[in-house]
N, C-alpha and C. Protein backbone atom coordinates (compact mmCIF):
# COMPACT_ATOMS: atom_id res chain seq x y z
N UNK A 1 38.53 27.74 -18.28
CA UNK A 1 37.15 27.70 -18.36
C UNK A 1 36.53 28.51 -19.14
N UNK A 2 35.50 28.11 -20.12
CA UNK A 2 34.99 29.06 -20.88
C UNK A 2 34.28 30.19 -20.42
N UNK A 3 33.69 31.09 -20.90
CA UNK A 3 33.10 32.23 -20.24
C UNK A 3 31.39 31.68 -20.25
N UNK A 4 31.03 30.79 -21.26
CA UNK A 4 29.68 30.53 -21.35
C UNK A 4 29.43 29.49 -20.14
N UNK A 5 30.49 28.37 -19.55
CA UNK A 5 30.31 27.84 -18.49
C UNK A 5 30.44 28.52 -17.18
N UNK A 6 31.19 29.64 -17.12
CA UNK A 6 31.34 30.73 -15.96
C UNK A 6 29.70 31.10 -15.80
N UNK A 7 29.31 31.55 -16.87
CA UNK A 7 27.75 32.14 -16.90
C UNK A 7 26.67 31.37 -16.56
N UNK A 8 27.03 29.94 -16.94
CA UNK A 8 25.92 29.18 -16.49
C UNK A 8 26.19 28.86 -14.88
N UNK A 9 27.11 28.75 -14.60
CA UNK A 9 27.48 28.34 -13.31
C UNK A 9 27.13 29.59 -12.13
N UNK A 10 27.01 30.88 -12.54
CA UNK A 10 26.32 32.05 -11.80
C UNK A 10 24.92 32.06 -12.05
N UNK A 11 24.60 31.49 -12.88
CA UNK A 11 22.80 31.58 -13.13
C UNK A 11 22.83 30.38 -12.20
N UNK A 12 23.14 29.42 -12.03
CA UNK A 12 22.89 27.98 -11.28
C UNK A 12 22.72 28.60 -9.82
N UNK A 13 24.01 29.29 -9.47
CA UNK A 13 24.10 29.87 -8.05
C UNK A 13 23.22 30.86 -7.84
N UNK A 14 22.38 31.84 -8.46
CA UNK A 14 21.27 32.34 -8.42
C UNK A 14 19.90 31.68 -8.36
N UNK A 15 19.91 31.01 -9.11
CA UNK A 15 18.85 30.00 -9.19
C UNK A 15 18.85 28.99 -7.83
N UNK A 16 19.95 28.94 -7.46
CA UNK A 16 19.78 28.20 -5.95
C UNK A 16 19.29 28.91 -5.00
N UNK A 17 19.96 30.01 -4.92
CA UNK A 17 19.77 30.61 -3.77
C UNK A 17 18.34 31.46 -3.87
N UNK A 18 17.96 31.46 -5.14
CA UNK A 18 16.10 31.58 -5.14
C UNK A 18 15.58 30.64 -4.47
N UNK A 19 15.67 29.11 -5.15
CA UNK A 19 15.04 28.10 -4.70
C UNK A 19 15.11 27.75 -3.43
N UNK A 20 16.17 28.20 -2.51
CA UNK A 20 16.25 28.31 -1.39
C UNK A 20 15.46 28.97 -0.45
N UNK A 21 15.55 30.52 -0.85
CA UNK A 21 14.33 31.33 -0.47
C UNK A 21 12.77 30.46 -0.53
N UNK A 22 12.55 30.27 -1.99
CA UNK A 22 11.34 29.94 -2.13
C UNK A 22 11.11 28.46 -1.25
N UNK A 23 11.66 28.08 -0.80
CA UNK A 23 11.33 26.81 0.16
C UNK A 23 11.38 27.44 1.46
N UNK A 24 12.18 28.20 1.90
CA UNK A 24 12.03 28.96 3.11
C UNK A 24 10.61 29.28 3.36
N UNK A 25 10.20 30.30 2.22
CA UNK A 25 8.64 31.02 2.16
C UNK A 25 7.53 29.88 2.33
N UNK A 26 8.09 28.81 1.55
CA UNK A 26 6.74 27.77 1.52
C UNK A 26 6.47 26.97 3.00
N UNK A 27 7.92 26.96 3.85
CA UNK A 27 7.33 26.24 4.78
C UNK A 27 6.84 26.92 5.66
N UNK A 28 6.57 28.35 5.76
CA UNK A 28 5.53 29.31 6.74
C UNK A 28 4.29 29.41 5.85
N UNK A 29 3.36 30.28 6.63
CA UNK A 29 2.43 30.92 5.82
C UNK A 29 2.70 31.37 4.77
N UNK A 30 1.99 30.98 3.63
CA UNK A 30 2.16 31.40 2.18
C UNK A 30 1.70 32.69 1.60
N UNK A 31 2.28 33.70 1.42
CA UNK A 31 1.92 35.10 1.05
C UNK A 31 1.97 35.01 -0.33
N UNK A 32 0.79 35.10 -1.18
CA UNK A 32 1.13 35.23 -3.00
C UNK A 32 2.10 36.46 -2.68
N UNK A 33 1.90 37.37 -2.51
CA UNK A 33 2.55 38.64 -2.59
C UNK A 33 4.11 38.52 -2.35
N UNK A 34 4.51 37.31 -1.41
CA UNK A 34 5.99 37.17 -1.36
C UNK A 34 6.63 36.02 -2.25
N UNK A 35 5.72 35.26 -2.86
CA UNK A 35 5.82 34.18 -3.77
C UNK A 35 6.05 34.69 -4.81
N UNK A 36 5.07 35.70 -5.40
CA UNK A 36 5.17 35.99 -6.75
C UNK A 36 6.65 36.39 -7.42
N UNK A 37 7.00 37.60 -6.76
CA UNK A 37 8.60 38.05 -7.10
C UNK A 37 9.46 36.88 -7.42
N UNK A 38 9.46 35.74 -6.24
CA UNK A 38 10.65 34.88 -6.14
C UNK A 38 10.23 33.80 -7.46
N UNK A 39 9.10 33.65 -7.67
CA UNK A 39 8.77 32.89 -8.83
C UNK A 39 9.12 33.41 -10.03
N UNK A 40 8.89 34.73 -9.99
CA UNK A 40 8.83 35.63 -11.22
C UNK A 40 10.52 35.53 -11.49
N UNK A 41 11.37 35.64 -10.60
CA UNK A 41 12.73 35.49 -10.81
C UNK A 41 13.52 34.67 -10.72
N UNK A 42 12.96 33.10 -10.36
CA UNK A 42 13.20 32.19 -10.63
C UNK A 42 13.11 31.32 -12.55
N UNK A 43 12.01 32.15 -13.07
CA UNK A 43 11.48 31.98 -14.24
C UNK A 43 12.32 32.44 -15.08
N UNK A 44 12.75 33.57 -14.97
CA UNK A 44 13.94 34.57 -15.61
C UNK A 44 15.25 34.07 -15.66
N UNK A 45 15.76 33.49 -14.18
CA UNK A 45 16.59 32.78 -14.28
C UNK A 45 16.92 31.41 -15.15
N UNK A 46 15.81 30.54 -15.31
CA UNK A 46 15.55 29.34 -16.02
C UNK A 46 15.96 29.88 -17.43
N UNK A 47 15.04 31.02 -17.99
CA UNK A 47 14.73 31.30 -19.43
C UNK A 47 16.69 31.77 -19.82
N UNK A 48 17.33 32.57 -18.33
CA UNK A 48 18.79 33.04 -18.96
C UNK A 48 19.68 31.48 -19.15
N UNK A 49 19.37 30.74 -17.95
CA UNK A 49 19.89 29.60 -18.27
C UNK A 49 19.80 28.76 -19.56
N UNK A 50 18.72 28.64 -20.05
CA UNK A 50 18.45 27.88 -21.39
C UNK A 50 19.19 28.56 -22.47
N UNK A 51 19.19 30.06 -22.67
CA UNK A 51 19.73 30.68 -23.43
C UNK A 51 21.45 30.32 -23.59
N UNK A 52 21.82 30.62 -22.49
CA UNK A 52 23.60 30.27 -22.28
C UNK A 52 23.59 28.59 -23.16
N UNK A 53 22.78 27.88 -22.44
CA UNK A 53 23.20 26.46 -22.61
C UNK A 53 22.69 26.18 -24.17
N UNK A 54 21.78 26.86 -24.56
CA UNK A 54 21.68 26.98 -26.21
C UNK A 54 22.83 27.47 -26.93
N UNK A 55 23.46 28.43 -26.26
CA UNK A 55 24.66 28.95 -26.87
C UNK A 55 25.68 28.07 -26.88
N UNK A 56 25.56 27.44 -26.11
CA UNK A 56 27.20 26.55 -25.78
C UNK A 56 26.58 24.96 -25.68
N UNK A 57 25.70 24.79 -26.49
CA UNK A 57 25.06 23.23 -26.33
C UNK A 57 26.50 22.46 -26.65
N UNK A 58 26.03 21.08 -25.90
CA UNK A 58 27.41 20.35 -25.75
C UNK A 58 28.39 20.57 -24.81
N UNK A 59 28.35 21.79 -24.17
CA UNK A 59 29.58 21.65 -23.02
C UNK A 59 29.68 20.74 -21.66
N UNK A 60 28.38 20.22 -21.62
CA UNK A 60 28.46 19.33 -20.47
C UNK A 60 28.87 18.01 -20.75
N UNK A 61 28.91 17.89 -22.32
CA UNK A 61 29.33 16.55 -22.44
C UNK A 61 30.49 15.87 -22.29
N UNK A 62 31.23 14.78 -21.93
CA UNK A 62 32.48 14.73 -21.53
C UNK A 62 33.11 14.79 -22.85
N UNK A 63 34.78 15.43 -22.88
CA UNK A 63 35.17 15.69 -24.10
C UNK A 63 34.85 16.82 -24.81
N UNK A 64 34.08 17.61 -24.19
CA UNK A 64 33.73 18.92 -25.42
C UNK A 64 34.26 20.03 -24.87
N UNK A 65 34.03 21.04 -25.34
CA UNK A 65 34.63 22.28 -24.81
C UNK A 65 34.58 22.74 -23.47
N UNK A 66 35.28 23.41 -22.79
CA UNK A 66 35.54 23.68 -21.65
C UNK A 66 35.84 22.71 -20.61
N UNK A 67 36.36 22.67 -19.36
CA UNK A 67 36.94 21.79 -18.59
C UNK A 67 35.74 20.77 -17.76
N UNK A 68 36.51 19.44 -17.60
CA UNK A 68 35.47 18.37 -16.85
C UNK A 68 35.36 19.20 -15.65
N UNK A 69 35.94 19.62 -14.64
CA UNK A 69 35.43 20.23 -13.48
C UNK A 69 34.32 20.96 -13.50
N UNK A 70 34.38 21.92 -14.33
CA UNK A 70 33.23 22.71 -14.40
C UNK A 70 32.01 22.19 -14.94
N UNK A 71 32.13 21.20 -15.73
CA UNK A 71 31.02 20.60 -16.21
C UNK A 71 30.24 19.95 -14.92
N UNK A 72 31.20 19.02 -14.26
CA UNK A 72 30.70 18.50 -12.85
C UNK A 72 30.27 19.40 -11.98
N UNK A 73 31.02 20.47 -11.57
CA UNK A 73 30.18 21.25 -10.88
C UNK A 73 28.67 21.72 -11.35
N UNK A 74 28.45 21.99 -12.30
CA UNK A 74 27.50 22.49 -12.95
C UNK A 74 26.27 21.08 -12.89
N UNK A 75 26.81 20.42 -13.41
CA UNK A 75 25.89 19.01 -13.16
C UNK A 75 25.48 18.97 -11.84
N UNK A 76 26.51 19.07 -10.58
CA UNK A 76 25.95 19.20 -9.27
C UNK A 76 24.90 20.15 -9.04
N UNK A 77 25.01 21.34 -9.19
CA UNK A 77 24.27 22.46 -9.27
C UNK A 77 22.77 22.15 -9.55
N UNK A 78 22.65 21.88 -10.89
CA UNK A 78 21.39 21.57 -11.56
C UNK A 78 20.79 20.42 -10.82
N UNK A 79 21.44 19.29 -10.28
CA UNK A 79 20.99 18.11 -9.24
C UNK A 79 20.16 18.98 -8.05
N UNK A 80 21.37 20.21 -7.50
CA UNK A 80 20.81 20.60 -6.21
C UNK A 80 19.61 21.45 -6.34
N UNK A 81 19.50 22.37 -7.52
CA UNK A 81 18.39 22.92 -8.03
C UNK A 81 17.43 22.35 -8.13
N UNK A 82 17.27 21.08 -9.10
CA UNK A 82 15.91 20.15 -9.08
C UNK A 82 15.62 19.74 -7.61
N UNK A 83 16.20 19.42 -6.85
CA UNK A 83 16.03 18.91 -5.29
C UNK A 83 15.24 19.97 -4.64
N UNK A 84 15.57 21.11 -4.78
CA UNK A 84 15.09 22.50 -4.02
C UNK A 84 13.73 22.37 -4.69
N UNK A 85 13.78 22.58 -5.96
CA UNK A 85 12.41 22.79 -6.49
C UNK A 85 11.52 21.84 -6.20
N UNK A 86 11.65 20.29 -6.18
CA UNK A 86 11.13 19.52 -5.55
C UNK A 86 10.73 19.70 -4.35
N UNK A 87 11.31 19.71 -3.33
CA UNK A 87 11.27 20.20 -2.10
C UNK A 87 9.71 21.09 -2.01
N UNK A 88 10.01 22.40 -2.83
CA UNK A 88 9.31 23.46 -2.83
C UNK A 88 7.77 22.87 -3.08
N UNK A 89 7.59 22.16 -4.45
CA UNK A 89 6.53 21.79 -4.69
C UNK A 89 5.76 20.99 -3.52
N UNK A 90 6.31 20.01 -2.95
CA UNK A 90 5.87 19.45 -2.10
C UNK A 90 5.29 20.30 -0.74
N UNK A 91 6.22 21.36 -0.38
CA UNK A 91 5.62 21.91 0.66
C UNK A 91 4.51 22.78 0.25
N UNK A 92 4.22 22.92 -0.78
CA UNK A 92 3.24 23.77 -1.40
C UNK A 92 1.86 22.75 -1.26
N UNK A 93 2.35 21.74 -1.92
CA UNK A 93 1.10 20.22 -1.91
C UNK A 93 0.45 20.26 -0.71
N UNK A 94 1.37 20.16 0.28
CA UNK A 94 1.34 20.13 1.88
C UNK A 94 0.48 21.13 2.45
N UNK A 95 0.70 22.17 2.05
CA UNK A 95 0.04 23.20 2.59
C UNK A 95 -1.42 23.69 2.07
N UNK A 96 -1.41 22.98 0.92
CA UNK A 96 -2.89 22.95 0.24
C UNK A 96 -3.73 22.17 0.84
N UNK A 97 -3.12 21.15 1.23
CA UNK A 97 -4.29 19.96 1.99
C UNK A 97 -4.50 20.37 3.23
N UNK A 98 -3.84 21.43 3.72
CA UNK A 98 -4.23 21.33 5.47
C UNK A 98 -5.23 22.32 5.70
N UNK A 99 -5.79 23.25 4.62
CA UNK A 99 -6.92 24.10 4.73
C UNK A 99 -8.04 23.68 3.62
N UNK A 100 -9.08 23.23 4.40
CA UNK A 100 -10.56 23.12 3.44
C UNK A 100 -11.60 24.10 3.50
N UNK A 101 -12.30 24.30 2.52
CA UNK A 101 -13.21 25.27 2.99
C UNK A 101 -14.68 24.66 2.73
N UNK A 102 -15.44 25.11 3.77
CA UNK A 102 -17.04 24.32 3.47
C UNK A 102 -17.52 25.31 2.53
N UNK A 103 -18.27 24.71 1.69
CA UNK A 103 -19.07 25.42 0.81
C UNK A 103 -20.44 26.30 1.34
N UNK A 104 -20.71 25.78 2.37
CA UNK A 104 -21.93 26.36 2.93
C UNK A 104 -21.98 27.51 3.56
N UNK A 105 -20.95 27.34 4.40
CA UNK A 105 -20.37 29.10 5.11
C UNK A 105 -19.28 29.68 4.80
N UNK A 106 -18.28 28.86 3.90
CA UNK A 106 -16.98 29.43 3.39
C UNK A 106 -16.34 29.82 5.03
N UNK A 107 -16.24 28.83 5.85
CA UNK A 107 -15.25 28.97 6.87
C UNK A 107 -14.15 28.06 6.55
N UNK A 108 -13.14 28.49 6.87
CA UNK A 108 -12.09 27.27 6.72
C UNK A 108 -12.16 26.32 7.74
N UNK A 109 -11.91 25.11 7.51
CA UNK A 109 -11.75 24.14 8.65
C UNK A 109 -10.37 23.40 8.52
N UNK A 110 -9.49 23.63 9.46
CA UNK A 110 -8.12 23.24 9.25
C UNK A 110 -7.90 21.73 9.42
N UNK A 111 -7.22 21.13 9.03
CA UNK A 111 -7.28 19.31 9.07
C UNK A 111 -5.78 18.83 9.13
């Protein structure tokens, strides 16, 4: 397996671990202080993944450089990351809908 595919897999492993942590945090009372470093790390990892993918464009296509098993693992990891990210977004949407503020007295009303 090529070094680029190995690097892509390692970055995806980190992205998945970070996305799992974001999901855990999003299911609890959300602190911006706790979310911010995780989101920044995710952004950095995505940028690194894009750089590696750009440097090795076409590696995920059947019949190109690298082995098929590595490409399959990468596709599966991308799918796993996408699902975790979608779950995180849904958790945030749900939590923001639970608290509404009354404009007159600025008190939270849980619904």
